[in-house]
PDB file of N, CA and C in Angstrom:
ATOM      1  N   MET A   1       7.373  -8.939  -1.789  1.00  0.00           N
ATOM      2  CA  MET A   1       6.012  -9.708  -1.869  1.00  0.00           C
ATOM      3  C   MET A   1       6.886  -9.684  -0.232  1.00  0.00           C
ATOM      4  N   MET A   2       8.266  -9.428  -0.023  1.00  0.00           N
ATOM      5  CA  MET A   2       9.032  -9.768   1.812  1.00  0.00           C
ATOM      6  C   MET A   2       8.738  -8.783   2.393  1.00  0.00           C
ATOM      7  N   GLY A   3       7.968  -7.558   1.768  1.00  0.00           N
ATOM      8  CA  GLY A   3       8.090  -6.316   2.623  1.00  0.00           C
ATOM      9  C   GLY A   3       6.512  -6.514   3.308  1.00  0.00           C
ATOM     10  N   GLN A   4       5.611  -7.103   1.862  1.00  0.00           N
ATOM     11  CA  GLN A   4       4.490  -7.830   2.575  1.00  0.00           C
ATOM     12  C   GLN A   4       4.249  -8.846   3.942  1.00  0.00           C
ATOM     13  N   ALA A   5       4.813  -9.162   3.926  1.00  0.00           N
ATOM     14  CA  ALA A   5       4.916 -10.006   5.344  1.00  0.00           C
ATOM     15  C   ALA A   5       5.414  -9.672   6.295  1.00  0.00           C
ATOM     16  N   VAL A   6       6.763  -9.137   6.722  1.00  0.00           N
ATOM     17  CA  VAL A   6       7.589  -8.043   7.041  1.00  0.00           C
ATOM     18  C   VAL A   6       6.187  -6.696   7.774  1.00  0.00           C
ATOM     19  N   LEU A   7       5.622  -6.518   6.886  1.00  0.00           N
ATOM     20  CA  LEU A   7       4.194  -5.053   7.738  1.00  0.00           C
ATOM     21  C   LEU A   7       3.589  -6.143   8.264  1.00  0.00           C
ATOM     22  N   LEU A   8       3.168  -7.212   7.349  1.00  0.00           N
ATOM     23  CA  LEU A   8       1.758  -8.240   8.227  1.00  0.00           C
ATOM     24  C   LEU A   8       2.717  -8.513   9.877  1.00  0.00           C
ATOM     25  N   LEU A   9       3.733  -9.190   9.886  1.00  0.00           N
ATOM     26  CA  LEU A   9       4.068  -9.159  11.248  1.00  0.00           C
ATOM     27  C   LEU A   9       4.011  -8.463  12.075  1.00  0.00           C
ATOM     28  N   PHE A  10       4.931  -6.966  11.633  1.00  0.00           N
ATOM     29  CA  PHE A  10       4.391  -5.130  11.625  1.00  0.00           C
ATOM     30  C   PHE A  10       3.400  -5.370  12.783  1.00  0.00           C
ATOM     31  N   ALA A  11       2.751  -5.099  11.816  1.00  0.00           N
ATOM     32  CA  ALA A  11       1.071  -4.762  11.833  1.00  0.00           C
ATOM     33  C   ALA A  11       0.450  -5.906  13.448  1.00  0.00           C
ATOM     34  N   VAL A  12       0.813  -7.064  13.406  1.00  0.00           N
ATOM     35  CA  VAL A  12      -0.048  -7.986  14.662  1.00  0.00           C
ATOM     36  C   VAL A  12       1.086  -7.761  15.561  1.00  0.00           C
ATOM     37  N   LYS A  13       2.103  -7.672  15.997  1.00  0.00           N
ATOM     38  CA  LYS A  13       3.217  -8.005  17.014  1.00  0.00           C
ATOM     39  C   LYS A  13       3.127  -6.260  16.845  1.00  0.00           C
ATOM     40  N   ARG A  14       3.302  -5.677  16.576  1.00  0.00           N
ATOM     41  CA  ARG A  14       3.904  -4.327  17.370  1.00  0.00           C
ATOM     42  C   ARG A  14       2.448  -3.168  17.737  1.00  0.00           C
ATOM     43  N   LEU A  15       1.545  -4.161  16.955  1.00  0.00           N
ATOM     44  CA  LEU A  15       0.428  -2.418  16.541  1.00  0.00           C
ATOM     45  C   LEU A  15      -0.706  -3.003  16.648  1.00  0.00           C
ATOM     46  N   GLY A  16      -0.967  -4.850  17.253  1.00  0.00           N
ATOM     47  CA  GLY A  16      -1.705  -5.236  18.120  1.00  0.00           C
ATOM     48  C   GLY A  16      -3.117  -5.573  17.640  1.00  0.00           C
ATOM     49  N   LEU A  17      -3.388  -4.902  15.822  1.00  0.00           N
ATOM     50  CA  LEU A  17      -4.172  -5.468  15.079  1.00  0.00           C
ATOM     51  C   LEU A  17      -4.973  -6.964  14.789  1.00  0.00           C
ATOM     52  N   SER A  18      -6.241  -6.611  14.848  1.00  0.00           N
ATOM     53  CA  SER A  18      -6.112  -7.801  14.327  1.00  0.00           C
ATOM     54  C   SER A  18      -6.950  -8.510  12.870  1.00  0.00           C
ATOM     55  N   ALA A  19      -6.882  -9.303  13.135  1.00  0.00           N
ATOM     56  CA  ALA A  19      -7.069 -10.447  11.129  1.00  0.00           C
ATOM     57  C   ALA A  19      -8.338  -9.374  10.567  1.00  0.00           C
ATOM     58  N   GLY A  20      -9.289  -8.840  11.472  1.00  0.00           N
ATOM     59  CA  GLY A  20     -10.040  -8.181  10.858  1.00  0.00           C
ATOM     60  C   GLY A  20      -9.619  -6.689  10.407  1.00  0.00           C
ATOM     61  N   ALA A  21      -9.340  -6.153  11.076  1.00  0.00           N
ATOM     62  CA  ALA A  21      -8.641  -4.166  10.551  1.00  0.00           C
ATOM     63  C   ALA A  21      -7.753  -4.777   9.435  1.00  0.00           C
ATOM     64  N   ILE A  22      -6.560  -5.792   9.895  1.00  0.00           N
ATOM     65  CA  ILE A  22      -5.905  -5.617   9.068  1.00  0.00           C
ATOM     66  C   ILE A  22      -6.378  -6.091   7.365  1.00  0.00           C
ATOM     67  N   GLY A  23      -6.995  -6.626   7.738  1.00  0.00           N
ATOM     68  CA  GLY A  23      -8.486  -7.409   6.525  1.00  0.00           C
ATOM     69  C   GLY A  23      -8.669  -6.127   5.628  1.00  0.00           C
ATOM     70  N   VAL A  24      -8.878  -4.786   6.269  1.00  0.00           N
ATOM     71  CA  VAL A  24     -10.160  -3.947   6.037  1.00  0.00           C
ATOM     72  C   VAL A  24      -8.720  -3.008   6.045  1.00  0.00           C
ATOM     73  N   ILE A  25      -7.812  -3.277   5.325  1.00  0.00           N
ATOM     74  CA  ILE A  25      -6.665  -1.884   5.561  1.00  0.00           C
ATOM     75  C   ILE A  25      -5.909  -2.644   4.161  1.00  0.00           C
ATOM     76  N   LEU A  26      -6.238  -3.182   4.035  1.00  0.00           N
ATOM     77  CA  LEU A  26      -5.429  -4.722   2.888  1.00  0.00           C
ATOM     78  C   LEU A  26      -6.275  -4.475   1.656  1.00  0.00           C
ATOM     79  N   SER A  27      -7.412  -4.553   2.255  1.00  0.00           N
ATOM     80  CA  SER A  27      -8.536  -4.517   1.396  1.00  0.00           C
ATOM     81  C   SER A  27      -8.485  -2.950   1.072  1.00  0.00           C
ATOM     82  N   ILE A  28      -8.439  -2.000   1.636  1.00  0.00           N
ATOM     83  CA  ILE A  28      -8.451  -0.426   1.570  1.00  0.00           C
ATOM     84  C   ILE A  28      -7.402  -0.345  -0.212  1.00  0.00           C
ATOM     85  N   GLY A  29      -6.362  -0.543   1.292  1.00  0.00           N
ATOM     86  CA  GLY A  29      -4.831  -0.722  -0.337  1.00  0.00           C
ATOM     87  C   GLY A  29      -5.084  -0.376  -0.841  1.00  0.00           C
ATOM     88  N   SER A  30      -5.972  -1.751  -1.884  1.00  0.00           N
ATOM     89  CA  SER A  30      -5.805  -2.484  -3.222  1.00  0.00           C
ATOM     90  C   SER A  30      -6.960  -1.468  -4.322  1.00  0.00           C
ATOM     91  N   VAL A  31      -8.105  -1.185  -3.901  1.00  0.00           N
ATOM     92  CA  VAL A  31      -8.894   0.177  -4.186  1.00  0.00           C
ATOM     93  C   VAL A  31      -8.054   0.342  -4.513  1.00  0.00           C
ATOM     94  N   GLY A  32      -6.723   0.940  -4.727  1.00  0.00           N
ATOM     95  CA  GLY A  32      -5.006   1.720  -5.125  1.00  0.00           C
ATOM     96  C   GLY A  32      -4.947   0.872  -6.375  1.00  0.00           C
ATOM     97  N   PHE A  33      -4.540  -0.473  -6.445  1.00  0.00           N
ATOM     98  CA  PHE A  33      -3.909  -0.679  -7.120  1.00  0.00           C
ATOM     99  C   PHE A  33      -5.561  -1.237  -8.254  1.00  0.00           C
ATOM    100  N   MET A  34      -6.979  -1.366  -8.452  1.00  0.00           N
ATOM    101  CA  MET A  34      -8.030  -1.047  -8.781  1.00  0.00           C
ATOM    102  C   MET A  34      -8.167   0.129  -9.876  1.00  0.00           C
ATOM    103  N   VAL A  35      -7.494   1.221  -9.141  1.00  0.00           N
ATOM    104  CA  VAL A  35      -7.367   1.956  -9.639  1.00  0.00           C
ATOM    105  C   VAL A  35      -6.226   2.362 -11.232  1.00  0.00           C
ATOM    106  N   GLY A  36      -5.259   2.236 -10.886  1.00  0.00           N
ATOM    107  CA  GLY A  36      -4.042   2.407 -11.196  1.00  0.00           C
ATOM    108  C   GLY A  36      -4.303   0.912 -11.890  1.00  0.00           C
ATOM    109  N   ALA A  37      -4.965  -0.203 -12.719  1.00  0.00           N
ATOM    110  CA  ALA A  37      -5.281  -1.035 -13.480  1.00  0.00           C
ATOM    111  C   ALA A  37      -5.681  -0.232 -14.228  1.00  0.00           C
ATOM    112  N   LEU A  38      -6.893   0.988 -13.753  1.00  0.00           N
ATOM    113  CA  LEU A  38      -7.756   0.865 -15.039  1.00  0.00           C
ATOM    114  C   LEU A  38      -6.704   2.170 -15.607  1.00  0.00           C
ATOM    115  N   VAL A  39      -6.030   2.983 -14.831  1.00  0.00           N
ATOM    116  CA  VAL A  39      -6.268   4.146 -16.051  1.00  0.00           C
ATOM    117  C   VAL A  39      -5.018   3.396 -16.562  1.00  0.00           C
ATOM    118  N   ALA A  40      -3.815   2.727 -16.466  1.00  0.00           N
ATOM    119  CA  ALA A  40      -2.537   2.430 -16.513  1.00  0.00           C
ATOM    120  C   ALA A  40      -2.430   2.463 -18.268  1.00  0.00           C
ATOM    121  N   GLN A  41      -3.197   2.390 -18.737  1.00  0.00           N
ATOM    122  CA  GLN A  41      -3.111   2.556 -20.241  1.00  0.00           C
ATOM    123  C   GLN A  41      -3.803   4.190 -20.824  1.00  0.00           C
ATOM    124  N   ARG A  42      -4.050   4.149 -20.600  1.00  0.00           N
ATOM    125  CA  ARG A  42      -4.305   5.872 -20.422  1.00  0.00           C
ATOM    126  C   ARG A  42      -3.246   6.674 -19.951  1.00  0.00           C
ATOM    127  N   VAL A  43      -2.226   6.296 -18.485  1.00  0.00           N
ATOM    128  CA  VAL A  43      -1.134   6.689 -18.794  1.00  0.00           C
ATOM    129  C   VAL A  43      -0.350   6.451 -20.043  1.00  0.00           C
ATOM    130  N   ALA A  44      -0.349   5.395 -19.343  1.00  0.00           N
ATOM    131  CA  ALA A  44       0.789   4.927 -21.176  1.00  0.00           C
ATOM    132  C   ALA A  44       1.328   5.716 -22.005  1.00  0.00           C
ATOM    133  N   ARG A  45       0.016   5.557 -22.687  1.00  0.00           N
ATOM    134  CA  ARG A  45      -0.739   6.097 -24.084  1.00  0.00           C
ATOM    135  C   ARG A  45       0.185   7.872 -23.596  1.00  0.00           C
ATOM    136  N   ARG A  46      -0.458   8.620 -22.561  1.00  0.00           N
ATOM    137  CA  ARG A  46      -0.080   9.741 -22.695  1.00  0.00           C
ATOM    138  C   ARG A  46       1.763  10.317 -22.421  1.00  0.00           C
ATOM    139  N   ILE A  47       2.090   9.062 -21.281  1.00  0.00           N
ATOM    140  CA  ILE A  47       3.468  10.045 -21.376  1.00  0.00           C
ATOM    141  C   ILE A  47       4.811   8.689 -21.452  1.00  0.00           C
ATOM    142  N   GLY A  48       3.773   7.118 -21.795  1.00  0.00           N
ATOM    143  CA  GLY A  48       4.579   6.225 -22.633  1.00  0.00           C
ATOM    144  C   GLY A  48       5.181   5.320 -21.403  1.00  0.00           C
ATOM    145  N   VAL A  49       5.493   4.264 -21.990  1.00  0.00           N
ATOM    146  CA  VAL A  49       5.713   2.771 -21.008  1.00  0.00           C
ATOM    147  C   VAL A  49       6.928   3.516 -20.041  1.00  0.00           C
ATOM    148  N   GLY A  50       7.784   3.770 -20.785  1.00  0.00           N
ATOM    149  CA  GLY A  50       9.050   3.376 -19.483  1.00  0.00           C
ATOM    150  C   GLY A  50       8.523   4.304 -18.272  1.00  0.00           C
ATOM    151  N   PRO A  51       8.564   5.633 -18.972  1.00  0.00           N
ATOM    152  CA  PRO A  51       8.686   6.336 -17.634  1.00  0.00           C
ATOM    153  C   PRO A  51       6.992   6.757 -16.613  1.00  0.00           C
ATOM    154  N   THR A  52       6.140   5.974 -17.193  1.00  0.00           N
ATOM    155  CA  THR A  52       4.663   4.923 -16.705  1.00  0.00           C
ATOM    156  C   THR A  52       5.236   4.357 -15.739  1.00  0.00           C
ATOM    157  N   LEU A  53       6.139   2.880 -16.258  1.00  0.00           N
ATOM    158  CA  LEU A  53       7.331   2.177 -15.137  1.00  0.00           C
ATOM    159  C   LEU A  53       7.729   2.628 -13.830  1.00  0.00           C
ATOM    160  N   ILE A  54       8.751   3.891 -14.059  1.00  0.00           N
ATOM    161  CA  ILE A  54       9.358   4.530 -13.432  1.00  0.00           C
ATOM    162  C   ILE A  54       8.161   4.829 -12.545  1.00  0.00           C
ATOM    163  N   VAL A  55       7.659   5.831 -12.605  1.00  0.00           N
ATOM    164  CA  VAL A  55       6.654   6.844 -12.356  1.00  0.00           C
ATOM    165  C   VAL A  55       5.641   5.566 -10.965  1.00  0.00           C
ATOM    166  N   ALA A  56       4.906   4.883 -11.257  1.00  0.00           N
ATOM    167  CA  ALA A  56       4.866   4.106 -10.754  1.00  0.00           C
ATOM    168  C   ALA A  56       5.157   3.235  -9.855  1.00  0.00           C
ATOM    169  N   GLY A  57       6.459   2.317  -9.916  1.00  0.00           N
ATOM    170  CA  GLY A  57       7.415   2.550  -9.099  1.00  0.00           C
ATOM    171  C   GLY A  57       7.772   3.240  -7.454  1.00  0.00           C
ATOM    172  N   PHE A  58       7.779   4.673  -7.935  1.00  0.00           N
ATOM    173  CA  PHE A  58       7.653   5.361  -7.005  1.00  0.00           C
ATOM    174  C   PHE A  58       6.586   5.480  -6.473  1.00  0.00           C
ATOM    175  N   LEU A  59       5.364   5.144  -6.711  1.00  0.00           N
ATOM    176  CA  LEU A  59       4.187   5.959  -6.484  1.00  0.00           C
ATOM    177  C   LEU A  59       3.945   4.349  -4.905  1.00  0.00           C
ATOM    178  N   MET A  60       3.930   2.940  -5.535  1.00  0.00           N
ATOM    179  CA  MET A  60       3.917   2.226  -4.487  1.00  0.00           C
ATOM    180  C   MET A  60       4.929   2.122  -3.616  1.00  0.00           C
ATOM    181  N   GLY A  61       6.249   2.643  -3.968  1.00  0.00           N
ATOM    182  CA  GLY A  61       7.300   2.655  -3.070  1.00  0.00           C
ATOM    183  C   GLY A  61       6.899   3.726  -1.931  1.00  0.00           C
ATOM    184  N   ALA A  62       6.168   4.771  -2.244  1.00  0.00           N
ATOM    185  CA  ALA A  62       5.998   5.735  -1.497  1.00  0.00           C
ATOM    186  C   ALA A  62       5.130   5.508  -0.053  1.00  0.00           C
ATOM    187  N   GLY A  63       4.050   4.621  -0.096  1.00  0.00           N
ATOM    188  CA  GLY A  63       3.333   3.820   1.040  1.00  0.00           C
ATOM    189  C   GLY A  63       3.623   3.010   2.106  1.00  0.00           C
ATOM    190  N   SER A  64       4.671   2.891   1.464  1.00  0.00           N
ATOM    191  CA  SER A  64       5.869   1.984   2.768  1.00  0.00           C
ATOM    192  C   SER A  64       6.457   2.608   3.089  1.00  0.00           C
ATOM    193  N   LEU A  65       6.928   3.983   2.738  1.00  0.00           N
ATOM    194  CA  LEU A  65       7.499   5.240   3.500  1.00  0.00           C
ATOM    195  C   LEU A  65       7.191   5.974   5.311  1.00  0.00           C
ATOM    196  N   LEU A  66       5.472   4.557   4.703  1.00  0.00           N
ATOM    197  CA  LEU A  66       4.718   5.726   5.739  1.00  0.00           C
ATOM    198  C   LEU A  66       4.859   3.974   6.802  1.00  0.00           C
ATOM    199  N   ALA A  67       4.563   3.163   6.478  1.00  0.00           N
ATOM    200  CA  ALA A  67       4.855   2.224   7.851  1.00  0.00           C
ATOM    201  C   ALA A  67       5.727   2.180   9.151  1.00  0.00           C
ATOM    202  N   PRO A  68       6.779   2.898   8.941  1.00  0.00           N
ATOM    203  CA  PRO A  68       7.483   2.952  10.101  1.00  0.00           C
ATOM    204  C   PRO A  68       6.554   3.845  11.088  1.00  0.00           C
ATOM    205  N   TRP A  69       6.589   5.567  10.614  1.00  0.00           N
ATOM    206  CA  TRP A  69       5.420   6.107  11.888  1.00  0.00           C
ATOM    207  C   TRP A  69       4.701   5.872  12.069  1.00  0.00           C
ATOM    208  N   PRO A  70       4.240   5.046  12.588  1.00  0.00           N
ATOM    209  CA  PRO A  70       2.149   4.772  12.755  1.00  0.00           C
ATOM    210  C   PRO A  70       2.230   5.640  14.369  1.00  0.00           C
ATOM    211  N   PRO A  71       0.745   5.756  14.270  1.00  0.00           N
ATOM    212  CA  PRO A  71       0.969   6.763  15.917  1.00  0.00           C
ATOM    213  C   PRO A  71       1.253   5.677  17.392  1.00  0.00           C
ATOM    214  N   GLU A  72       1.710   5.540  17.932  1.00  0.00           N
ATOM    215  CA  GLU A  72       1.914   5.517  19.282  1.00  0.00           C
ATOM    216  C   GLU A  72       1.212   4.965  20.378  1.00  0.00           C
ATOM    217  N   ARG A  73      -0.369   5.822  20.082  1.00  0.00           N
ATOM    218  CA  ARG A  73      -1.566   4.723  20.063  1.00  0.00           C
ATOM    219  C   ARG A  73      -2.552   3.914  19.489  1.00  0.00           C
ATOM    220  N   ARG A  74      -3.476   3.395  19.635  1.00  0.00           N
ATOM    221  CA  ARG A  74      -4.020   2.311  18.680  1.00  0.00           C
ATOM    222  C   ARG A  74      -3.871   2.871  17.624  1.00  0.00           C
ATOM    223  N   PRO A  75      -3.747   2.491  16.559  1.00  0.00           N
ATOM    224  CA  PRO A  75      -3.757   3.303  15.010  1.00  0.00           C
ATOM    225  C   PRO A  75      -5.571   3.432  14.810  1.00  0.00           C
ATOM    226  N   LEU A  76      -6.712   2.490  14.399  1.00  0.00           N
ATOM    227  CA  LEU A  76      -7.666   2.247  15.097  1.00  0.00           C
ATOM    228  C   LEU A  76      -8.656   1.343  16.349  1.00  0.00           C
ATOM    229  N   PRO A  77      -9.946   1.925  16.387  1.00  0.00           N
ATOM    230  CA  PRO A  77     -10.604   1.526  17.092  1.00  0.00           C
ATOM    231  C   PRO A  77     -10.660   0.695  16.654  1.00  0.00           C
ATOM    232  N   TYR A  78      -9.999  -0.970  16.596  1.00  0.00           N
ATOM    233  CA  TYR A  78     -10.866  -2.080  16.586  1.00  0.00           C
ATOM    234  C   TYR A  78     -10.082  -2.826  17.583  1.00  0.00           C
TER     235      TYR A  78
END
């Protein structure tokens, strides 16, 4: 959660995104969590609970790796 707070500050201070733009970005990201919640049980049955947790941890962290590389110009037209 600390990473989310820092990302929010980065989006406002460095990227100059508005509250609406940040809300849209977070809403789009939440769709991925909903899809994950819908398929988690099937994936856990197929590959096991332990491997599912490991894969989920890597997938959640993968999106955070893109945060330091926004485009130099305005990333969104807001």
